[in-house]
Amino acid sequence: MKLLLENWKRFLINENLLAPYESDLEYTEDGKLVLYHVSSTSDIETLDPAVAAQSTKSYTKAEYRTWDRPRIFFFTRLGQEDIGVGRIQGQAYKATIDPEVLYPIMQDPLKLSYPDRQEEYKKIREERDGMPSYYPINTYDMVATLAENEGFQGFIYPQEVGNLIVALWNPIGVEKLEQDFY
């Protein structure tokens, strides 16, 4: 019964968590969210965060100084530019994902960044990495770890009005975009 209630609560949250972003999202006919990635690497079939982290470009190095967990960044619409870089050069790729697996980090509906969740995170971190509980907490890692335990695979957040970014920490299959991205 507890699991049923938890799943219902999550369903209700997920049904509404992307609502503020709906006008900036594209969906397939079967309800999957469409994501776009531009890469200097051609002929990619799977984007793997662990591989991408090994060859970060200058525009993502700042992101990794904040939090070093490997992840892949996606745009949510064609022609979207990165506010810090502008147009990214390279081959465009398209992926689809269930919207329920994206956690809106700026809204934080499950309160994963709240101080009362720190002990839960420290316990997971110690079991997973052997890191003692007295080590400092990186809030992004705390939220990602707790979100991952809830079944999420990445974050969605606004970069500016009309521009959303998705950061995935799991590999995802992609297909080459046959049209111009910009």
C-alpha atoms as a PDB file:
ATOM      1  CA  MET A   1       0.000   0.000   0.000  1.00  0.00           C
ATOM      2  CA  LYS A   2       2.873   2.357   0.871  1.00  0.00           C
ATOM      3  CA  LEU A   3       4.463   1.745  -2.544  1.00  0.00           C
ATOM      4  CA  LEU A   4       1.132   2.416  -4.253  1.00  0.00           C
ATOM      5  CA  LEU A   5       0.801   5.744  -2.418  1.00  0.00           C
ATOM      6  CA  GLU A   6       4.394   6.714  -3.200  1.00  0.00           C
ATOM      7  CA  ASN A   7       3.891   5.878  -6.884  1.00  0.00           C
ATOM      8  CA  TRP A   8       0.624   7.848  -6.951  1.00  0.00           C
ATOM      9  CA  LYS A   9       2.335  10.846  -5.327  1.00  0.00           C
ATOM     10  CA  ARG A  10       5.139  10.643  -7.874  1.00  0.00           C
ATOM     11  CA  PHE A  11       2.620  10.302 -10.723  1.00  0.00           C
ATOM     12  CA  LEU A  12       0.827  13.449  -9.590  1.00  0.00           C
ATOM     13  CA  ILE A  13       4.085  15.362  -9.249  1.00  0.00           C
ATOM     14  CA  ASN A  14       5.357  14.131 -12.636  1.00  0.00           C
ATOM     15  CA  GLU A  15       2.104  14.967 -14.381  1.00  0.00           C
ATOM     16  CA  ASN A  16       2.594  18.579 -13.370  1.00  0.00           C
ATOM     17  CA  LEU A  17       6.335  19.043 -12.987  1.00  0.00           C
ATOM     18  CA  LEU A  18       7.008  19.993 -16.592  1.00  0.00           C
ATOM     19  CA  ALA A  19       3.826  22.066 -16.885  1.00  0.00           C
ATOM     20  CA  PRO A  20       5.616  25.443 -16.571  1.00  0.00           C
ATOM     21  CA  TYR A  21       7.840  24.430 -19.493  1.00  0.00           C
ATOM     22  CA  GLU A  22       5.198  22.986 -21.850  1.00  0.00           C
ATOM     23  CA  SER A  23       5.395  25.801 -24.423  1.00  0.00           C
ATOM     24  CA  ASP A  24       9.139  25.166 -24.803  1.00  0.00           C
ATOM     25  CA  LEU A  25       8.954  21.376 -25.169  1.00  0.00           C
ATOM     26  CA  GLU A  26       8.416  19.103 -28.159  1.00  0.00           C
ATOM     27  CA  TYR A  27       6.858  15.644 -27.827  1.00  0.00           C
ATOM     28  CA  THR A  28       6.563  12.636 -30.106  1.00  0.00           C
ATOM     29  CA  GLU A  29       3.159  11.154 -30.867  1.00  0.00           C
ATOM     30  CA  ASP A  30       3.677   8.573 -28.126  1.00  0.00           C
ATOM     31  CA  GLY A  31       4.396  11.204 -25.469  1.00  0.00           C
ATOM     32  CA  LYS A  32       8.194  11.086 -25.369  1.00  0.00           C
ATOM     33  CA  LEU A  33      10.117  14.306 -24.943  1.00  0.00           C
ATOM     34  CA  VAL A  34      12.379  15.252 -27.862  1.00  0.00           C
ATOM     35  CA  LEU A  35      15.916  16.364 -26.986  1.00  0.00           C
ATOM     36  CA  TYR A  36      18.653  17.780 -29.202  1.00  0.00           C
ATOM     37  CA  HIS A  37      22.415  17.577 -28.793  1.00  0.00           C
ATOM     38  CA  VAL A  38      25.107  19.138 -30.969  1.00  0.00           C
ATOM     39  CA  SER A  39      28.505  17.450 -31.026  1.00  0.00           C
ATOM     40  CA  SER A  40      31.793  17.855 -32.857  1.00  0.00           C
ATOM     41  CA  THR A  41      31.862  14.039 -33.056  1.00  0.00           C
ATOM     42  CA  SER A  42      30.111  12.482 -36.033  1.00  0.00           C
ATOM     43  CA  ASP A  43      28.290   9.163 -36.341  1.00  0.00           C
ATOM     44  CA  ILE A  44      27.279   8.830 -32.695  1.00  0.00           C
ATOM     45  CA  GLU A  45      24.671   6.196 -31.845  1.00  0.00           C
ATOM     46  CA  THR A  46      24.786   6.514 -28.062  1.00  0.00           C
ATOM     47  CA  LEU A  47      25.711   9.507 -25.962  1.00  0.00           C
ATOM     48  CA  ASP A  48      27.476   8.253 -22.856  1.00  0.00           C
ATOM     49  CA  PRO A  49      28.213  10.769 -20.080  1.00  0.00           C
ATOM     50  CA  ALA A  50      31.335   8.880 -18.979  1.00  0.00           C
ATOM     51  CA  VAL A  51      32.810   9.163 -22.487  1.00  0.00           C
ATOM     52  CA  ALA A  52      31.749  12.798 -22.885  1.00  0.00           C
ATOM     53  CA  ALA A  53      33.349  13.802 -19.585  1.00  0.00           C
ATOM     54  CA  GLN A  54      36.731  12.633 -20.864  1.00  0.00           C
ATOM     55  CA  SER A  55      36.678  15.183 -23.677  1.00  0.00           C
ATOM     56  CA  THR A  56      34.855  18.195 -22.299  1.00  0.00           C
ATOM     57  CA  LYS A  57      34.992  21.321 -24.405  1.00  0.00           C
ATOM     58  CA  SER A  58      35.694  24.734 -22.966  1.00  0.00           C
ATOM     59  CA  TYR A  59      32.005  25.631 -22.807  1.00  0.00           C
ATOM     60  CA  THR A  60      31.279  22.722 -20.468  1.00  0.00           C
ATOM     61  CA  LYS A  61      34.369  23.000 -18.274  1.00  0.00           C
ATOM     62  CA  ALA A  62      32.655  25.642 -16.106  1.00  0.00           C
ATOM     63  CA  GLU A  63      29.737  23.261 -15.582  1.00  0.00           C
ATOM     64  CA  TYR A  64      32.138  20.569 -14.387  1.00  0.00           C
ATOM     65  CA  ARG A  65      33.853  22.919 -11.917  1.00  0.00           C
ATOM     66  CA  THR A  66      30.502  23.277 -10.168  1.00  0.00           C
ATOM     67  CA  TRP A  67      29.826  19.543 -10.121  1.00  0.00           C
ATOM     68  CA  ASP A  68      31.975  16.806 -11.621  1.00  0.00           C
ATOM     69  CA  ARG A  69      29.362  14.089 -12.199  1.00  0.00           C
ATOM     70  CA  PRO A  70      29.527  13.032 -15.883  1.00  0.00           C
ATOM     71  CA  ARG A  71      26.492  14.208 -17.830  1.00  0.00           C
ATOM     72  CA  ILE A  72      25.349  15.105 -21.309  1.00  0.00           C
ATOM     73  CA  PHE A  73      23.621  18.406 -22.060  1.00  0.00           C
ATOM     74  CA  PHE A  74      20.646  18.704 -24.400  1.00  0.00           C
ATOM     75  CA  PHE A  75      18.507  21.461 -25.837  1.00  0.00           C
ATOM     76  CA  THR A  76      14.745  21.066 -25.904  1.00  0.00           C
ATOM     77  CA  ARG A  77      14.002  22.766 -29.224  1.00  0.00           C
ATOM     78  CA  LEU A  78      15.509  23.214 -32.677  1.00  0.00           C
ATOM     79  CA  GLY A  79      17.687  26.272 -33.160  1.00  0.00           C
ATOM     80  CA  GLN A  80      18.289  26.795 -29.452  1.00  0.00           C
ATOM     81  CA  GLU A  81      21.521  28.549 -28.608  1.00  0.00           C
ATOM     82  CA  ASP A  82      23.562  28.251 -25.440  1.00  0.00           C
ATOM     83  CA  ILE A  83      23.429  31.605 -23.647  1.00  0.00           C
ATOM     84  CA  GLY A  84      27.134  31.477 -22.805  1.00  0.00           C
ATOM     85  CA  VAL A  85      28.429  30.218 -26.144  1.00  0.00           C
ATOM     86  CA  GLY A  86      25.810  30.963 -28.768  1.00  0.00           C
ATOM     87  CA  ARG A  87      25.528  28.507 -31.624  1.00  0.00           C
ATOM     88  CA  ILE A  88      27.396  25.269 -31.080  1.00  0.00           C
ATOM     89  CA  GLN A  89      29.148  23.898 -34.135  1.00  0.00           C
ATOM     90  CA  GLY A  90      28.903  20.255 -35.126  1.00  0.00           C
ATOM     91  CA  GLN A  91      26.504  17.469 -35.971  1.00  0.00           C
ATOM     92  CA  ALA A  92      23.045  17.648 -34.416  1.00  0.00           C
ATOM     93  CA  TYR A  93      21.472  14.584 -32.848  1.00  0.00           C
ATOM     94  CA  LYS A  94      17.980  13.811 -31.644  1.00  0.00           C
ATOM     95  CA  ALA A  95      16.956  11.663 -28.699  1.00  0.00           C
ATOM     96  CA  THR A  96      13.630  10.878 -27.063  1.00  0.00           C
ATOM     97  CA  ILE A  97      13.015  10.229 -23.408  1.00  0.00           C
ATOM     98  CA  ASP A  98      10.110   9.711 -21.055  1.00  0.00           C
ATOM     99  CA  PRO A  99       9.448  13.103 -19.477  1.00  0.00           C
ATOM    100  CA  GLU A 100       8.821  11.421 -16.108  1.00  0.00           C
ATOM    101  CA  VAL A 101      12.530  10.679 -15.705  1.00  0.00           C
ATOM    102  CA  LEU A 102      13.549  14.360 -15.728  1.00  0.00           C
ATOM    103  CA  TYR A 103      13.694  16.179 -12.423  1.00  0.00           C
ATOM    104  CA  PRO A 104      13.036  19.947 -12.419  1.00  0.00           C
ATOM    105  CA  ILE A 105      15.957  20.927 -10.241  1.00  0.00           C
ATOM    106  CA  MET A 106      15.040  24.616  -9.927  1.00  0.00           C
ATOM    107  CA  GLN A 107      11.511  23.785  -8.715  1.00  0.00           C
ATOM    108  CA  ASP A 108      12.687  20.860  -6.565  1.00  0.00           C
ATOM    109  CA  PRO A 109       9.155  19.462  -5.988  1.00  0.00           C
ATOM    110  CA  LEU A 110      10.410  16.536  -3.873  1.00  0.00           C
ATOM    111  CA  LYS A 111      12.549  18.895  -1.756  1.00  0.00           C
ATOM    112  CA  LEU A 112      15.686  16.885  -2.493  1.00  0.00           C
ATOM    113  CA  SER A 113      17.946  19.855  -1.777  1.00  0.00           C
ATOM    114  CA  TYR A 114      16.501  20.484   1.682  1.00  0.00           C
ATOM    115  CA  PRO A 115      18.686  20.079   4.780  1.00  0.00           C
ATOM    116  CA  ASP A 116      16.464  17.342   6.211  1.00  0.00           C
ATOM    117  CA  ARG A 117      17.509  15.107   3.264  1.00  0.00           C
ATOM    118  CA  GLN A 118      21.257  15.435   3.975  1.00  0.00           C
ATOM    119  CA  GLU A 119      21.545  12.438   6.289  1.00  0.00           C
ATOM    120  CA  GLU A 120      19.812  10.215   3.727  1.00  0.00           C
ATOM    121  CA  TYR A 121      22.258  11.425   1.073  1.00  0.00           C
ATOM    122  CA  LYS A 122      25.310  10.947   3.333  1.00  0.00           C
ATOM    123  CA  LYS A 123      24.271   7.362   4.013  1.00  0.00           C
ATOM    124  CA  ILE A 124      23.847   6.622   0.300  1.00  0.00           C
ATOM    125  CA  ARG A 125      27.157   8.329  -0.533  1.00  0.00           C
ATOM    126  CA  GLU A 126      28.997   6.357   2.135  1.00  0.00           C
ATOM    127  CA  GLU A 127      27.516   3.043   0.948  1.00  0.00           C
ATOM    128  CA  ARG A 128      28.086   3.872  -2.727  1.00  0.00           C
ATOM    129  CA  ASP A 129      31.510   5.546  -2.616  1.00  0.00           C
ATOM    130  CA  GLY A 130      32.846   4.857   0.860  1.00  0.00           C
ATOM    131  CA  MET A 131      32.937   8.610   1.489  1.00  0.00           C
ATOM    132  CA  PRO A 132      32.782   9.452   5.215  1.00  0.00           C
ATOM    133  CA  SER A 133      29.749  11.450   6.311  1.00  0.00           C
ATOM    134  CA  TYR A 134      31.846  14.392   7.522  1.00  0.00           C
ATOM    135  CA  TYR A 135      32.942  15.279   3.961  1.00  0.00           C
ATOM    136  CA  PRO A 136      31.264  18.404   2.566  1.00  0.00           C
ATOM    137  CA  ILE A 137      28.082  18.018   0.561  1.00  0.00           C
ATOM    138  CA  ASN A 138      27.819  19.137  -3.044  1.00  0.00           C
ATOM    139  CA  THR A 139      24.143  20.080  -3.330  1.00  0.00           C
ATOM    140  CA  TYR A 140      23.947  19.147  -7.021  1.00  0.00           C
ATOM    141  CA  ASP A 141      25.307  15.691  -6.258  1.00  0.00           C
ATOM    142  CA  MET A 142      22.952  15.327  -3.302  1.00  0.00           C
ATOM    143  CA  VAL A 143      19.923  16.195  -5.432  1.00  0.00           C
ATOM    144  CA  ALA A 144      21.082  13.973  -8.314  1.00  0.00           C
ATOM    145  CA  THR A 145      21.769  11.022  -6.022  1.00  0.00           C
ATOM    146  CA  LEU A 146      18.412  11.307  -4.279  1.00  0.00           C
ATOM    147  CA  ALA A 147      16.650  11.890  -7.614  1.00  0.00           C
ATOM    148  CA  GLU A 148      18.348   8.842  -9.089  1.00  0.00           C
ATOM    149  CA  ASN A 149      17.073   6.791  -6.148  1.00  0.00           C
ATOM    150  CA  GLU A 150      13.586   8.023  -7.091  1.00  0.00           C
ATOM    151  CA  GLY A 151      14.054   6.810 -10.695  1.00  0.00           C
ATOM    152  CA  PHE A 152      15.075  10.064 -12.369  1.00  0.00           C
ATOM    153  CA  GLN A 153      17.809  10.056 -15.022  1.00  0.00           C
ATOM    154  CA  GLY A 154      18.590  13.748 -15.264  1.00  0.00           C
ATOM    155  CA  PHE A 155      17.669  17.356 -14.623  1.00  0.00           C
ATOM    156  CA  ILE A 156      15.654  19.843 -16.613  1.00  0.00           C
ATOM    157  CA  TYR A 157      16.116  23.534 -15.911  1.00  0.00           C
ATOM    158  CA  PRO A 158      15.702  26.929 -17.558  1.00  0.00           C
ATOM    159  CA  GLN A 159      18.823  28.530 -18.949  1.00  0.00           C
ATOM    160  CA  GLU A 160      16.845  31.695 -19.661  1.00  0.00           C
ATOM    161  CA  VAL A 161      13.239  32.399 -20.620  1.00  0.00           C
ATOM    162  CA  GLY A 162      12.355  30.055 -23.471  1.00  0.00           C
ATOM    163  CA  ASN A 163      15.585  28.052 -23.238  1.00  0.00           C
ATOM    164  CA  LEU A 164      15.556  24.807 -21.313  1.00  0.00           C
ATOM    165  CA  ILE A 165      18.516  22.536 -20.765  1.00  0.00           C
ATOM    166  CA  VAL A 166      18.403  18.849 -19.934  1.00  0.00           C
ATOM    167  CA  ALA A 167      21.391  17.213 -18.268  1.00  0.00           C
ATOM    168  CA  LEU A 168      21.345  13.391 -18.347  1.00  0.00           C
ATOM    169  CA  TRP A 169      23.670  11.222 -16.318  1.00  0.00           C
ATOM    170  CA  ASN A 170      22.737   7.936 -18.075  1.00  0.00           C
ATOM    171  CA  PRO A 171      23.683   6.896 -21.621  1.00  0.00           C
ATOM    172  CA  ILE A 172      20.979   7.499 -24.229  1.00  0.00           C
ATOM    173  CA  GLY A 173      20.555   6.378 -27.822  1.00  0.00           C
ATOM    174  CA  VAL A 174      20.529   9.137 -30.430  1.00  0.00           C
ATOM    175  CA  GLU A 175      19.959   9.471 -34.135  1.00  0.00           C
ATOM    176  CA  LYS A 176      21.590  11.908 -36.501  1.00  0.00           C
ATOM    177  CA  LEU A 177      19.355  14.878 -37.242  1.00  0.00           C
ATOM    178  CA  GLU A 178      18.837  15.012 -40.997  1.00  0.00           C
ATOM    179  CA  GLN A 179      17.872  18.691 -41.039  1.00  0.00           C
ATOM    180  CA  ASP A 180      19.848  21.753 -40.057  1.00  0.00           C
ATOM    181  CA  PHE A 181      19.696  22.469 -36.347  1.00  0.00           C
ATOM    182  CA  TYR A 182      20.074  26.236 -36.733  1.00  0.00           C
END
